[in-house]
């Protein structure tokens, strides 16, 4: 137990130091994420009546099916982990290029858009039940996904900037050592993302079933 506590403390220390050393990039990526989230929420309110009706019908159909089905948590978990790790891998690969920074920021904004649209739609169309779904079925896994996304994005941008400095003859550091550190950092947050996938696969379906059964 003591070993696990020490490991968690060490990971938190690495994260806090990384945030402190790259605070400007963290602010930039956070602004991109929040901007995407805001745009997603605003998009819900700007949809036409026909589009809203189609989404509501599809979502209601999904909820009715969920209430009567036995959820295969293994499949849900695998899909959640694969989909989120896919984005981290893309961000990692973009960090190996000098021109990947704008695309990394667009990915962060896109992920924010999806979250903002989802939460905005649930609350706007389902009221109190939608708010509960957002808090207990959307938020928990994103407490793992979002920090992992932001850290990986900042690490990738940082490495990309180092490559740029190196190509301009201004780099006074070991690219190979930085690459190892960069890859290890993203691997750590891949593990955190996997934990988020487990929460989504095994926790979210249960809370969704409970909420739609008693609050719909």
N, C-alpha and C. Protein backbone atom coordinates (compact mmCIF):
# COMPACT_ATOMS: atom_id res chain seq x y z
N UNK A 1 0.83 -1.21 0.00
CA UNK A 1 0.00 0.00 0.00
C UNK A 1 0.86 1.26 0.00
N UNK A 2 1.94 1.22 0.82
CA UNK A 2 2.84 2.36 0.89
C UNK A 2 3.54 2.61 -0.43
N UNK A 3 3.88 1.51 -1.16
CA UNK A 3 4.53 1.64 -2.46
C UNK A 3 3.63 2.32 -3.48
N UNK A 4 2.34 1.95 -3.46
CA UNK A 4 1.39 2.57 -4.38
C UNK A 4 1.22 4.04 -4.08
N UNK A 5 1.17 4.38 -2.79
CA UNK A 5 1.04 5.78 -2.39
C UNK A 5 2.23 6.60 -2.87
N UNK A 6 3.42 6.03 -2.71
CA UNK A 6 4.63 6.72 -3.16
C UNK A 6 4.63 6.91 -4.67
N UNK A 7 4.14 5.91 -5.40
CA UNK A 7 4.10 6.00 -6.85
C UNK A 7 3.13 7.09 -7.29
N UNK A 8 1.95 7.15 -6.63
CA UNK A 8 0.97 8.18 -6.96
C UNK A 8 1.53 9.57 -6.68
N UNK A 9 2.23 9.70 -5.54
CA UNK A 9 2.84 10.99 -5.19
C UNK A 9 3.90 11.38 -6.22
N UNK A 10 4.67 10.39 -6.67
CA UNK A 10 5.71 10.66 -7.66
C UNK A 10 5.10 11.12 -8.98
N UNK A 11 4.01 10.44 -9.39
CA UNK A 11 3.33 10.81 -10.64
C UNK A 11 2.74 12.22 -10.54
N UNK A 12 2.14 12.53 -9.39
CA UNK A 12 1.58 13.87 -9.19
C UNK A 12 2.67 14.93 -9.23
N UNK A 13 3.82 14.60 -8.65
CA UNK A 13 4.93 15.54 -8.65
C UNK A 13 5.42 15.80 -10.07
N UNK A 14 5.52 14.73 -10.87
CA UNK A 14 5.93 14.88 -12.28
C UNK A 14 4.93 15.76 -13.03
N UNK A 15 3.63 15.52 -12.78
CA UNK A 15 2.59 16.28 -13.45
C UNK A 15 2.64 17.75 -13.05
N UNK A 16 2.73 18.02 -11.75
CA UNK A 16 2.76 19.40 -11.27
C UNK A 16 3.98 20.15 -11.80
N UNK A 17 5.11 19.47 -11.82
CA UNK A 17 6.32 20.10 -12.37
C UNK A 17 6.17 20.39 -13.85
N UNK A 18 5.53 19.47 -14.56
CA UNK A 18 5.32 19.66 -15.99
C UNK A 18 4.39 20.85 -16.24
N UNK A 19 3.35 20.96 -15.42
CA UNK A 19 2.43 22.09 -15.54
C UNK A 19 3.16 23.40 -15.25
N UNK A 20 3.95 23.41 -14.20
CA UNK A 20 4.67 24.63 -13.80
C UNK A 20 5.66 25.06 -14.89
N UNK A 21 6.34 24.10 -15.50
CA UNK A 21 7.35 24.42 -16.50
C UNK A 21 6.75 24.85 -17.84
N UNK A 22 5.49 24.47 -18.08
CA UNK A 22 4.88 24.76 -19.38
C UNK A 22 3.51 25.42 -19.20
N UNK A 23 3.43 26.32 -18.25
CA UNK A 23 2.14 26.91 -17.88
C UNK A 23 1.48 27.64 -19.05
N UNK A 24 2.27 28.29 -19.90
CA UNK A 24 1.71 29.03 -21.03
C UNK A 24 1.04 28.07 -22.01
N UNK A 25 1.70 26.95 -22.29
CA UNK A 25 1.11 25.96 -23.20
C UNK A 25 -0.14 25.33 -22.60
N UNK A 26 -0.13 25.12 -21.28
CA UNK A 26 -1.31 24.56 -20.63
C UNK A 26 -2.50 25.53 -20.74
N UNK A 27 -2.21 26.81 -20.55
CA UNK A 27 -3.28 27.81 -20.68
C UNK A 27 -3.82 27.81 -22.11
N UNK A 28 -2.92 27.73 -23.09
CA UNK A 28 -3.33 27.73 -24.50
C UNK A 28 -4.21 26.52 -24.82
N UNK A 29 -3.76 25.32 -24.40
CA UNK A 29 -4.54 24.11 -24.71
C UNK A 29 -5.87 24.11 -23.95
N UNK A 30 -5.85 24.62 -22.71
CA UNK A 30 -7.09 24.69 -21.94
C UNK A 30 -8.08 25.65 -22.60
N UNK A 31 -7.58 26.78 -23.08
CA UNK A 31 -8.44 27.74 -23.79
C UNK A 31 -9.03 27.09 -25.05
N UNK A 32 -8.22 26.32 -25.78
CA UNK A 32 -8.71 25.63 -26.97
C UNK A 32 -9.79 24.61 -26.61
N UNK A 33 -9.56 23.89 -25.52
CA UNK A 33 -10.55 22.90 -25.09
C UNK A 33 -11.85 23.56 -24.66
N UNK A 34 -11.73 24.60 -23.83
CA UNK A 34 -12.93 25.31 -23.36
C UNK A 34 -13.64 26.02 -24.50
N UNK A 35 -12.85 26.54 -25.45
CA UNK A 35 -13.45 27.16 -26.62
C UNK A 35 -14.25 26.16 -27.43
N UNK A 36 -13.68 24.97 -27.62
CA UNK A 36 -14.40 23.91 -28.32
C UNK A 36 -15.64 23.48 -27.58
N UNK A 37 -15.54 23.39 -26.24
CA UNK A 37 -16.70 23.01 -25.42
C UNK A 37 -17.82 24.03 -25.54
N UNK A 38 -17.44 25.31 -25.49
CA UNK A 38 -18.44 26.39 -25.60
C UNK A 38 -19.11 26.36 -26.96
N UNK A 39 -18.30 26.15 -28.00
CA UNK A 39 -18.86 26.07 -29.35
C UNK A 39 -19.80 24.89 -29.48
N UNK A 40 -19.44 23.76 -28.87
CA UNK A 40 -20.31 22.59 -28.91
C UNK A 40 -21.64 22.85 -28.23
N UNK A 41 -21.60 23.51 -27.06
CA UNK A 41 -22.84 23.83 -26.34
C UNK A 41 -23.69 24.82 -27.13
N UNK A 42 -23.04 25.81 -27.77
CA UNK A 42 -23.79 26.80 -28.56
C UNK A 42 -24.39 26.16 -29.81
N UNK A 43 -23.69 25.18 -30.36
CA UNK A 43 -24.19 24.51 -31.57
C UNK A 43 -25.52 23.82 -31.30
N UNK A 44 -25.67 23.26 -30.10
CA UNK A 44 -26.93 22.59 -29.74
C UNK A 44 -28.09 23.56 -29.84
N UNK A 45 -27.91 24.76 -29.30
CA UNK A 45 -29.00 25.75 -29.29
C UNK A 45 -29.27 26.34 -30.67
N UNK A 46 -28.31 26.18 -31.58
CA UNK A 46 -28.49 26.74 -32.92
C UNK A 46 -29.02 25.73 -33.94
N UNK A 47 -29.19 24.46 -33.50
CA UNK A 47 -29.71 23.45 -34.42
C UNK A 47 -31.17 23.74 -34.77
N UNK A 48 -31.54 23.34 -35.98
CA UNK A 48 -32.93 23.51 -36.41
C UNK A 48 -33.86 22.53 -35.70
N UNK A 49 -35.15 22.83 -35.76
CA UNK A 49 -36.13 22.00 -35.06
C UNK A 49 -36.11 20.56 -35.57
N UNK A 50 -35.97 20.38 -36.88
CA UNK A 50 -35.95 19.05 -37.46
C UNK A 50 -34.73 18.26 -36.98
N UNK A 51 -33.55 18.93 -36.94
CA UNK A 51 -32.33 18.27 -36.49
C UNK A 51 -32.44 17.87 -35.02
N UNK A 52 -32.99 18.78 -34.22
CA UNK A 52 -33.17 18.48 -32.79
C UNK A 52 -34.10 17.29 -32.60
N UNK A 53 -35.20 17.26 -33.36
CA UNK A 53 -36.16 16.18 -33.25
C UNK A 53 -35.54 14.84 -33.60
N UNK A 54 -34.73 14.83 -34.66
CA UNK A 54 -34.06 13.59 -35.04
C UNK A 54 -33.11 13.10 -33.95
N UNK A 55 -32.35 14.03 -33.36
CA UNK A 55 -31.41 13.66 -32.30
C UNK A 55 -32.15 13.15 -31.06
N UNK A 56 -33.26 13.83 -30.72
CA UNK A 56 -34.04 13.43 -29.56
C UNK A 56 -34.62 12.03 -29.76
N UNK A 57 -35.16 11.77 -30.95
CA UNK A 57 -35.74 10.45 -31.24
C UNK A 57 -34.66 9.36 -31.16
N UNK A 58 -33.50 9.66 -31.72
CA UNK A 58 -32.41 8.68 -31.70
C UNK A 58 -31.96 8.42 -30.26
N UNK A 59 -31.84 9.50 -29.48
CA UNK A 59 -31.37 9.37 -28.09
C UNK A 59 -32.39 8.63 -27.24
N UNK A 60 -33.67 8.93 -27.44
CA UNK A 60 -34.73 8.24 -26.69
C UNK A 60 -34.75 6.75 -27.03
N UNK A 61 -34.54 6.45 -28.30
CA UNK A 61 -34.48 5.06 -28.73
C UNK A 61 -33.31 4.34 -28.05
N UNK A 62 -32.17 5.04 -27.98
CA UNK A 62 -30.99 4.48 -27.32
C UNK A 62 -31.26 4.23 -25.84
N UNK A 63 -31.92 5.19 -25.17
CA UNK A 63 -32.19 5.06 -23.74
C UNK A 63 -33.15 3.91 -23.46
N UNK A 64 -34.19 3.79 -24.31
CA UNK A 64 -35.14 2.68 -24.14
C UNK A 64 -34.44 1.34 -24.30
N UNK A 65 -33.57 1.25 -25.29
CA UNK A 65 -32.82 0.03 -25.51
C UNK A 65 -31.88 -0.26 -24.36
N UNK A 66 -31.26 0.80 -23.83
CA UNK A 66 -30.33 0.63 -22.71
C UNK A 66 -31.04 0.10 -21.48
N UNK A 67 -32.25 0.59 -21.25
CA UNK A 67 -33.00 0.18 -20.05
C UNK A 67 -33.33 -1.30 -20.07
N UNK A 68 -33.49 -1.86 -21.28
CA UNK A 68 -33.91 -3.25 -21.35
C UNK A 68 -32.82 -4.23 -21.73
N UNK A 69 -31.60 -3.72 -21.91
CA UNK A 69 -30.51 -4.58 -22.36
C UNK A 69 -29.52 -4.86 -21.24
N UNK A 70 -28.85 -6.00 -21.38
CA UNK A 70 -27.71 -6.29 -20.53
C UNK A 70 -26.46 -5.76 -21.23
N UNK A 71 -25.83 -4.77 -20.63
CA UNK A 71 -24.69 -4.11 -21.27
C UNK A 71 -23.45 -4.99 -21.16
N UNK A 72 -22.77 -5.16 -22.29
CA UNK A 72 -21.50 -5.87 -22.30
C UNK A 72 -20.40 -4.86 -21.94
N UNK A 73 -20.08 -4.80 -20.66
CA UNK A 73 -19.13 -3.81 -20.17
C UNK A 73 -17.74 -3.98 -20.79
N UNK A 74 -17.38 -5.22 -21.11
CA UNK A 74 -16.07 -5.47 -21.71
C UNK A 74 -15.96 -4.79 -23.06
N UNK A 75 -17.00 -4.92 -23.88
CA UNK A 75 -17.01 -4.31 -25.22
C UNK A 75 -17.02 -2.79 -25.10
N UNK A 76 -17.85 -2.26 -24.21
CA UNK A 76 -17.92 -0.80 -24.01
C UNK A 76 -16.57 -0.26 -23.57
N UNK A 77 -15.93 -0.99 -22.64
CA UNK A 77 -14.62 -0.56 -22.14
C UNK A 77 -13.57 -0.60 -23.25
N UNK A 78 -13.57 -1.67 -24.03
CA UNK A 78 -12.61 -1.78 -25.12
C UNK A 78 -12.78 -0.66 -26.13
N UNK A 79 -14.03 -0.36 -26.49
CA UNK A 79 -14.29 0.72 -27.45
C UNK A 79 -13.84 2.07 -26.89
N UNK A 80 -14.16 2.31 -25.62
CA UNK A 80 -13.81 3.59 -24.99
C UNK A 80 -12.29 3.76 -24.94
N UNK A 81 -11.59 2.70 -24.53
CA UNK A 81 -10.13 2.77 -24.44
C UNK A 81 -9.51 2.97 -25.82
N UNK A 82 -9.98 2.20 -26.80
CA UNK A 82 -9.43 2.30 -28.16
C UNK A 82 -9.64 3.69 -28.73
N UNK A 83 -10.85 4.22 -28.60
CA UNK A 83 -11.16 5.53 -29.19
C UNK A 83 -10.31 6.64 -28.58
N UNK A 84 -10.09 6.59 -27.27
CA UNK A 84 -9.31 7.64 -26.62
C UNK A 84 -7.81 7.47 -26.81
N UNK A 85 -7.34 6.22 -26.79
CA UNK A 85 -5.92 6.00 -27.05
C UNK A 85 -5.55 6.34 -28.48
N UNK A 86 -6.51 6.20 -29.39
CA UNK A 86 -6.27 6.55 -30.78
C UNK A 86 -5.90 8.02 -30.91
N UNK A 87 -6.61 8.88 -30.19
CA UNK A 87 -6.31 10.31 -30.24
C UNK A 87 -4.93 10.59 -29.63
N UNK A 88 -4.60 9.90 -28.53
CA UNK A 88 -3.29 10.11 -27.91
C UNK A 88 -2.17 9.68 -28.84
N UNK A 89 -2.38 8.57 -29.54
CA UNK A 89 -1.36 8.10 -30.50
C UNK A 89 -1.19 9.12 -31.62
N UNK A 90 -2.30 9.65 -32.13
CA UNK A 90 -2.21 10.66 -33.19
C UNK A 90 -1.45 11.89 -32.70
N UNK A 91 -1.77 12.33 -31.48
CA UNK A 91 -1.07 13.48 -30.89
C UNK A 91 0.41 13.18 -30.73
N UNK A 92 0.74 11.97 -30.26
CA UNK A 92 2.14 11.56 -30.12
C UNK A 92 2.86 11.64 -31.47
N UNK A 93 2.23 11.10 -32.51
CA UNK A 93 2.84 11.10 -33.84
C UNK A 93 3.01 12.53 -34.37
N UNK A 94 2.02 13.39 -34.12
CA UNK A 94 2.11 14.78 -34.57
C UNK A 94 3.23 15.52 -33.86
N UNK A 95 3.49 15.12 -32.60
CA UNK A 95 4.58 15.74 -31.85
C UNK A 95 5.95 15.45 -32.44
N UNK A 96 6.04 14.42 -33.27
CA UNK A 96 7.30 14.07 -33.91
C UNK A 96 7.56 14.89 -35.16
N UNK A 97 6.61 15.74 -35.50
CA UNK A 97 6.75 16.60 -36.68
C UNK A 97 6.85 18.06 -36.24
N UNK A 98 7.39 18.87 -37.09
CA UNK A 98 7.54 20.30 -36.78
C UNK A 98 6.24 21.05 -37.07
N UNK A 99 5.42 20.50 -37.96
CA UNK A 99 4.21 21.21 -38.39
C UNK A 99 2.94 20.67 -37.72
N UNK A 100 3.11 19.85 -36.66
CA UNK A 100 1.93 19.21 -36.06
C UNK A 100 1.20 20.04 -35.03
N UNK A 101 1.78 21.16 -34.59
CA UNK A 101 1.19 21.92 -33.49
C UNK A 101 -0.24 22.39 -33.76
N UNK A 102 -0.53 23.01 -34.92
CA UNK A 102 -1.92 23.45 -35.16
C UNK A 102 -2.92 22.30 -35.15
N UNK A 103 -2.51 21.14 -35.67
CA UNK A 103 -3.42 19.99 -35.72
C UNK A 103 -3.67 19.47 -34.30
N UNK A 104 -2.63 19.47 -33.45
CA UNK A 104 -2.80 19.05 -32.06
C UNK A 104 -3.83 19.94 -31.36
N UNK A 105 -3.72 21.24 -31.56
CA UNK A 105 -4.66 22.18 -30.94
C UNK A 105 -6.07 21.98 -31.49
N UNK A 106 -6.18 21.66 -32.77
CA UNK A 106 -7.50 21.38 -33.36
C UNK A 106 -8.12 20.12 -32.76
N UNK A 107 -7.30 19.11 -32.51
CA UNK A 107 -7.79 17.87 -31.88
C UNK A 107 -8.31 18.17 -30.48
N UNK A 108 -7.56 18.96 -29.71
CA UNK A 108 -8.00 19.35 -28.36
C UNK A 108 -9.33 20.09 -28.44
N UNK A 109 -9.44 21.01 -29.39
CA UNK A 109 -10.68 21.78 -29.56
C UNK A 109 -11.84 20.86 -29.98
N UNK A 110 -11.56 19.90 -30.85
CA UNK A 110 -12.58 18.96 -31.32
C UNK A 110 -13.11 18.10 -30.17
N UNK A 111 -12.19 17.63 -29.32
CA UNK A 111 -12.62 16.83 -28.17
C UNK A 111 -13.46 17.66 -27.21
N UNK A 112 -13.09 18.93 -27.07
CA UNK A 112 -13.90 19.84 -26.25
C UNK A 112 -15.27 20.06 -26.85
N UNK A 113 -15.31 20.17 -28.18
CA UNK A 113 -16.59 20.36 -28.89
C UNK A 113 -17.53 19.18 -28.63
N UNK A 114 -16.99 17.96 -28.72
CA UNK A 114 -17.81 16.77 -28.50
C UNK A 114 -18.40 16.76 -27.09
N UNK A 115 -17.55 17.08 -26.11
CA UNK A 115 -18.01 17.08 -24.72
C UNK A 115 -19.05 18.18 -24.50
N UNK A 116 -18.77 19.37 -25.03
CA UNK A 116 -19.70 20.49 -24.87
C UNK A 116 -21.04 20.21 -25.54
N UNK A 117 -21.00 19.61 -26.73
CA UNK A 117 -22.23 19.29 -27.45
C UNK A 117 -23.04 18.25 -26.68
N UNK A 118 -22.34 17.22 -26.18
CA UNK A 118 -23.02 16.15 -25.45
C UNK A 118 -23.72 16.67 -24.21
N UNK A 119 -22.97 17.42 -23.39
CA UNK A 119 -23.53 17.95 -22.15
C UNK A 119 -24.63 18.96 -22.45
N UNK A 120 -24.39 19.83 -23.44
CA UNK A 120 -25.40 20.83 -23.81
C UNK A 120 -26.69 20.19 -24.28
N UNK A 121 -26.57 19.14 -25.09
CA UNK A 121 -27.75 18.45 -25.60
C UNK A 121 -28.52 17.78 -24.47
N UNK A 122 -27.80 17.09 -23.59
CA UNK A 122 -28.46 16.38 -22.48
C UNK A 122 -29.23 17.35 -21.58
N UNK A 123 -28.60 18.46 -21.23
CA UNK A 123 -29.24 19.40 -20.32
C UNK A 123 -30.39 20.13 -21.00
N UNK A 124 -30.19 20.55 -22.26
CA UNK A 124 -31.22 21.31 -22.97
C UNK A 124 -32.46 20.47 -23.23
N UNK A 125 -32.26 19.20 -23.58
CA UNK A 125 -33.39 18.37 -23.97
C UNK A 125 -33.96 17.51 -22.84
N UNK A 126 -33.14 17.20 -21.85
CA UNK A 126 -33.60 16.28 -20.81
C UNK A 126 -33.70 16.93 -19.43
N UNK A 127 -33.37 18.21 -19.34
CA UNK A 127 -33.54 18.95 -18.10
C UNK A 127 -32.77 18.34 -16.94
N UNK A 128 -33.48 18.08 -15.84
CA UNK A 128 -32.85 17.57 -14.62
C UNK A 128 -32.22 16.20 -14.86
N UNK A 129 -32.91 15.33 -15.59
CA UNK A 129 -32.34 14.00 -15.90
C UNK A 129 -31.08 14.15 -16.74
N UNK A 130 -31.08 15.11 -17.67
CA UNK A 130 -29.90 15.36 -18.49
C UNK A 130 -28.73 15.86 -17.68
N UNK A 131 -29.02 16.70 -16.68
CA UNK A 131 -27.96 17.20 -15.80
C UNK A 131 -27.36 16.05 -14.99
N UNK A 132 -28.23 15.14 -14.50
CA UNK A 132 -27.74 13.97 -13.75
C UNK A 132 -26.89 13.06 -14.65
N UNK A 133 -27.36 12.87 -15.89
CA UNK A 133 -26.59 12.05 -16.82
C UNK A 133 -25.23 12.67 -17.09
N UNK A 134 -25.19 14.00 -17.21
CA UNK A 134 -23.92 14.69 -17.46
C UNK A 134 -22.97 14.52 -16.29
N UNK A 135 -23.51 14.66 -15.07
CA UNK A 135 -22.67 14.60 -13.87
C UNK A 135 -22.18 13.19 -13.58
N UNK A 136 -23.08 12.21 -13.71
CA UNK A 136 -22.74 10.86 -13.26
C UNK A 136 -22.38 9.88 -14.38
N UNK A 137 -22.68 10.24 -15.64
CA UNK A 137 -22.38 9.32 -16.74
C UNK A 137 -21.39 9.87 -17.75
N UNK A 138 -21.20 11.19 -17.76
CA UNK A 138 -20.26 11.81 -18.69
C UNK A 138 -19.02 12.33 -17.97
N UNK A 139 -19.23 12.98 -16.84
CA UNK A 139 -18.12 13.62 -16.12
C UNK A 139 -17.09 12.64 -15.56
N UNK A 140 -17.48 11.53 -14.91
CA UNK A 140 -16.47 10.70 -14.23
C UNK A 140 -15.31 10.25 -15.11
N UNK A 141 -15.59 9.68 -16.28
CA UNK A 141 -14.50 9.23 -17.14
C UNK A 141 -13.68 10.39 -17.71
N UNK A 142 -14.36 11.54 -17.88
CA UNK A 142 -13.64 12.70 -18.42
C UNK A 142 -12.71 13.33 -17.40
N UNK A 143 -12.87 12.98 -16.13
CA UNK A 143 -11.90 13.41 -15.12
C UNK A 143 -10.55 12.74 -15.37
N UNK A 144 -10.56 11.64 -16.11
CA UNK A 144 -9.33 10.97 -16.51
C UNK A 144 -8.93 11.36 -17.94
N UNK A 145 -9.94 11.43 -18.84
CA UNK A 145 -9.65 11.71 -20.24
C UNK A 145 -9.10 13.11 -20.48
N UNK A 146 -9.75 14.11 -19.90
CA UNK A 146 -9.39 15.50 -20.21
C UNK A 146 -7.98 15.87 -19.72
N UNK A 147 -7.63 15.58 -18.44
CA UNK A 147 -6.24 15.88 -18.04
C UNK A 147 -5.21 15.14 -18.89
N UNK A 148 -5.51 13.88 -19.22
CA UNK A 148 -4.58 13.11 -20.06
C UNK A 148 -4.43 13.76 -21.43
N UNK A 149 -5.53 14.21 -22.01
CA UNK A 149 -5.50 14.86 -23.31
C UNK A 149 -4.66 16.13 -23.25
N UNK A 150 -4.87 16.95 -22.22
CA UNK A 150 -4.16 18.21 -22.11
C UNK A 150 -2.66 17.99 -21.90
N UNK A 151 -2.31 17.05 -21.01
CA UNK A 151 -0.89 16.77 -20.76
C UNK A 151 -0.21 16.25 -22.03
N UNK A 152 -0.87 15.32 -22.72
CA UNK A 152 -0.29 14.75 -23.93
C UNK A 152 -0.14 15.81 -25.02
N UNK A 153 -1.13 16.69 -25.13
CA UNK A 153 -1.06 17.76 -26.13
C UNK A 153 0.10 18.70 -25.83
N UNK A 154 0.24 19.10 -24.57
CA UNK A 154 1.34 20.01 -24.19
C UNK A 154 2.69 19.34 -24.40
N UNK A 155 2.80 18.08 -24.01
CA UNK A 155 4.06 17.35 -24.19
C UNK A 155 4.42 17.25 -25.67
N UNK A 156 3.42 17.01 -26.52
CA UNK A 156 3.66 16.90 -27.96
C UNK A 156 4.07 18.24 -28.56
N UNK A 157 3.40 19.30 -28.14
CA UNK A 157 3.75 20.64 -28.63
C UNK A 157 5.16 21.00 -28.19
N UNK A 158 5.49 20.68 -26.94
CA UNK A 158 6.83 20.97 -26.41
C UNK A 158 7.91 20.25 -27.21
N UNK A 159 7.66 18.96 -27.48
CA UNK A 159 8.65 18.19 -28.24
C UNK A 159 8.77 18.72 -29.66
N UNK A 160 7.64 19.08 -30.25
CA UNK A 160 7.64 19.64 -31.61
C UNK A 160 8.45 20.94 -31.66
N UNK A 161 8.27 21.78 -30.63
CA UNK A 161 9.02 23.04 -30.57
C UNK A 161 10.52 22.78 -30.42
N UNK A 162 10.87 21.74 -29.66
CA UNK A 162 12.28 21.36 -29.51
C UNK A 162 12.87 20.92 -30.85
N UNK A 163 12.09 20.17 -31.62
CA UNK A 163 12.54 19.76 -32.95
C UNK A 163 12.75 20.97 -33.84
N UNK A 164 11.85 21.95 -33.71
CA UNK A 164 11.96 23.17 -34.51
C UNK A 164 13.24 23.93 -34.14
N UNK A 165 13.51 24.06 -32.84
CA UNK A 165 14.73 24.74 -32.40
C UNK A 165 15.97 23.99 -32.89
N UNK A 166 15.89 22.65 -32.84
CA UNK A 166 17.02 21.85 -33.30
C UNK A 166 17.28 22.02 -34.78
N UNK A 167 16.20 22.10 -35.58
CA UNK A 167 16.35 22.27 -37.02
C UNK A 167 16.92 23.64 -37.38
N UNK A 168 16.75 24.61 -36.45
CA UNK A 168 17.26 25.97 -36.68
C UNK A 168 18.64 26.15 -36.05
N UNK A 169 19.18 25.05 -35.49
CA UNK A 169 20.51 25.12 -34.89
C UNK A 169 20.55 25.79 -33.54
N UNK A 170 19.36 25.91 -32.90
CA UNK A 170 19.30 26.57 -31.59
C UNK A 170 19.14 25.59 -30.44
N UNK A 171 19.02 24.32 -30.76
CA UNK A 171 18.79 23.33 -29.71
C UNK A 171 20.10 22.91 -29.04
N UNK A 172 20.13 22.95 -27.74
CA UNK A 172 21.30 22.53 -26.98
C UNK A 172 20.89 21.42 -26.00
N UNK A 173 20.27 20.39 -26.56
CA UNK A 173 19.75 19.31 -25.72
C UNK A 173 19.81 18.02 -26.50
N UNK A 174 19.65 16.93 -25.80
CA UNK A 174 19.67 15.61 -26.43
C UNK A 174 18.26 15.25 -26.91
N UNK A 175 18.09 15.22 -28.22
CA UNK A 175 16.78 14.88 -28.79
C UNK A 175 16.38 13.46 -28.40
N UNK A 176 17.34 12.55 -28.38
CA UNK A 176 17.03 11.15 -28.06
C UNK A 176 16.51 11.02 -26.63
N UNK A 177 17.15 11.73 -25.67
CA UNK A 177 16.70 11.67 -24.29
C UNK A 177 15.32 12.32 -24.14
N UNK A 178 15.11 13.43 -24.84
CA UNK A 178 13.82 14.10 -24.78
C UNK A 178 12.72 13.22 -25.39
N UNK A 179 13.07 12.49 -26.45
CA UNK A 179 12.10 11.59 -27.07
C UNK A 179 11.69 10.50 -26.10
N UNK A 180 12.66 9.96 -25.37
CA UNK A 180 12.34 8.91 -24.38
C UNK A 180 11.44 9.47 -23.28
N UNK A 181 11.79 10.64 -22.76
CA UNK A 181 10.97 11.27 -21.72
C UNK A 181 9.57 11.58 -22.23
N UNK A 182 9.51 12.08 -23.44
CA UNK A 182 8.24 12.43 -24.07
C UNK A 182 7.35 11.19 -24.22
N UNK A 183 7.92 10.12 -24.72
CA UNK A 183 7.16 8.89 -24.93
C UNK A 183 6.72 8.27 -23.60
N UNK A 184 7.62 8.30 -22.60
CA UNK A 184 7.27 7.75 -21.29
C UNK A 184 6.14 8.53 -20.64
N UNK A 185 6.17 9.86 -20.78
CA UNK A 185 5.12 10.69 -20.20
C UNK A 185 3.77 10.36 -20.83
N UNK A 186 3.74 10.23 -22.15
CA UNK A 186 2.49 9.89 -22.82
C UNK A 186 2.02 8.49 -22.46
N UNK A 187 2.98 7.58 -22.25
CA UNK A 187 2.61 6.22 -21.85
C UNK A 187 1.94 6.22 -20.48
N UNK A 188 2.46 7.03 -19.55
CA UNK A 188 1.85 7.14 -18.22
C UNK A 188 0.40 7.59 -18.33
N UNK A 189 0.17 8.59 -19.19
CA UNK A 189 -1.18 9.11 -19.31
C UNK A 189 -2.07 8.22 -20.19
N UNK A 190 -1.44 7.33 -20.94
CA UNK A 190 -2.23 6.28 -21.61
C UNK A 190 -2.84 5.36 -20.55
N UNK A 191 -2.05 5.06 -19.51
CA UNK A 191 -2.55 4.22 -18.41
C UNK A 191 -3.72 4.90 -17.71
N UNK A 192 -3.59 6.22 -17.49
CA UNK A 192 -4.68 6.97 -16.87
C UNK A 192 -5.91 6.96 -17.76
N UNK A 193 -5.69 7.04 -19.06
CA UNK A 193 -6.80 6.97 -20.01
C UNK A 193 -7.49 5.61 -19.95
N UNK A 194 -6.71 4.55 -19.79
CA UNK A 194 -7.28 3.20 -19.65
C UNK A 194 -8.17 3.13 -18.41
N UNK A 195 -7.75 3.77 -17.32
CA UNK A 195 -8.58 3.82 -16.11
C UNK A 195 -9.90 4.51 -16.42
N UNK A 196 -9.82 5.61 -17.19
CA UNK A 196 -11.04 6.30 -17.61
C UNK A 196 -11.95 5.40 -18.42
N UNK A 197 -11.35 4.57 -19.29
CA UNK A 197 -12.13 3.62 -20.07
C UNK A 197 -12.84 2.60 -19.21
N UNK A 198 -12.18 2.16 -18.15
CA UNK A 198 -12.80 1.22 -17.21
C UNK A 198 -13.98 1.88 -16.49
N UNK A 199 -13.81 3.14 -16.11
CA UNK A 199 -14.91 3.88 -15.48
C UNK A 199 -16.08 4.02 -16.44
N UNK A 200 -15.78 4.34 -17.69
CA UNK A 200 -16.85 4.50 -18.69
C UNK A 200 -17.53 3.17 -18.98
N UNK A 201 -16.75 2.11 -19.07
CA UNK A 201 -17.32 0.82 -19.45
C UNK A 201 -18.13 0.15 -18.35
N UNK A 202 -17.66 0.30 -17.11
CA UNK A 202 -18.32 -0.40 -16.01
C UNK A 202 -19.17 0.50 -15.13
N UNK A 203 -18.89 1.79 -15.13
CA UNK A 203 -19.65 2.70 -14.28
C UNK A 203 -20.76 3.45 -14.99
N UNK A 204 -20.44 4.02 -16.15
CA UNK A 204 -21.41 4.87 -16.86
C UNK A 204 -22.70 4.14 -17.23
N UNK A 205 -22.65 2.90 -17.77
CA UNK A 205 -23.90 2.22 -18.11
C UNK A 205 -24.82 2.01 -16.90
N UNK A 206 -24.22 1.70 -15.75
CA UNK A 206 -25.02 1.47 -14.54
C UNK A 206 -25.71 2.76 -14.09
N UNK A 207 -24.96 3.86 -14.08
CA UNK A 207 -25.56 5.13 -13.65
C UNK A 207 -26.60 5.60 -14.65
N UNK A 208 -26.35 5.37 -15.94
CA UNK A 208 -27.33 5.76 -16.96
C UNK A 208 -28.62 4.97 -16.78
N UNK A 209 -28.49 3.67 -16.55
CA UNK A 209 -29.68 2.83 -16.34
C UNK A 209 -30.47 3.31 -15.13
N UNK A 210 -29.78 3.61 -14.06
CA UNK A 210 -30.45 4.06 -12.84
C UNK A 210 -31.18 5.38 -13.08
N UNK A 211 -30.51 6.32 -13.73
CA UNK A 211 -31.10 7.65 -13.95
C UNK A 211 -32.30 7.59 -14.88
N UNK A 212 -32.19 6.84 -15.98
CA UNK A 212 -33.32 6.80 -16.93
C UNK A 212 -34.48 5.99 -16.36
N UNK A 213 -34.20 5.10 -15.41
CA UNK A 213 -35.27 4.32 -14.78
C UNK A 213 -36.06 5.15 -13.76
N UNK A 214 -35.37 5.98 -13.00
CA UNK A 214 -36.03 6.68 -11.90
C UNK A 214 -36.24 8.18 -12.12
N UNK A 215 -35.60 8.74 -13.16
CA UNK A 215 -35.73 10.20 -13.35
C UNK A 215 -36.26 10.59 -14.71
N UNK A 216 -36.49 9.63 -15.60
CA UNK A 216 -37.05 9.94 -16.92
C UNK A 216 -38.53 10.28 -16.80
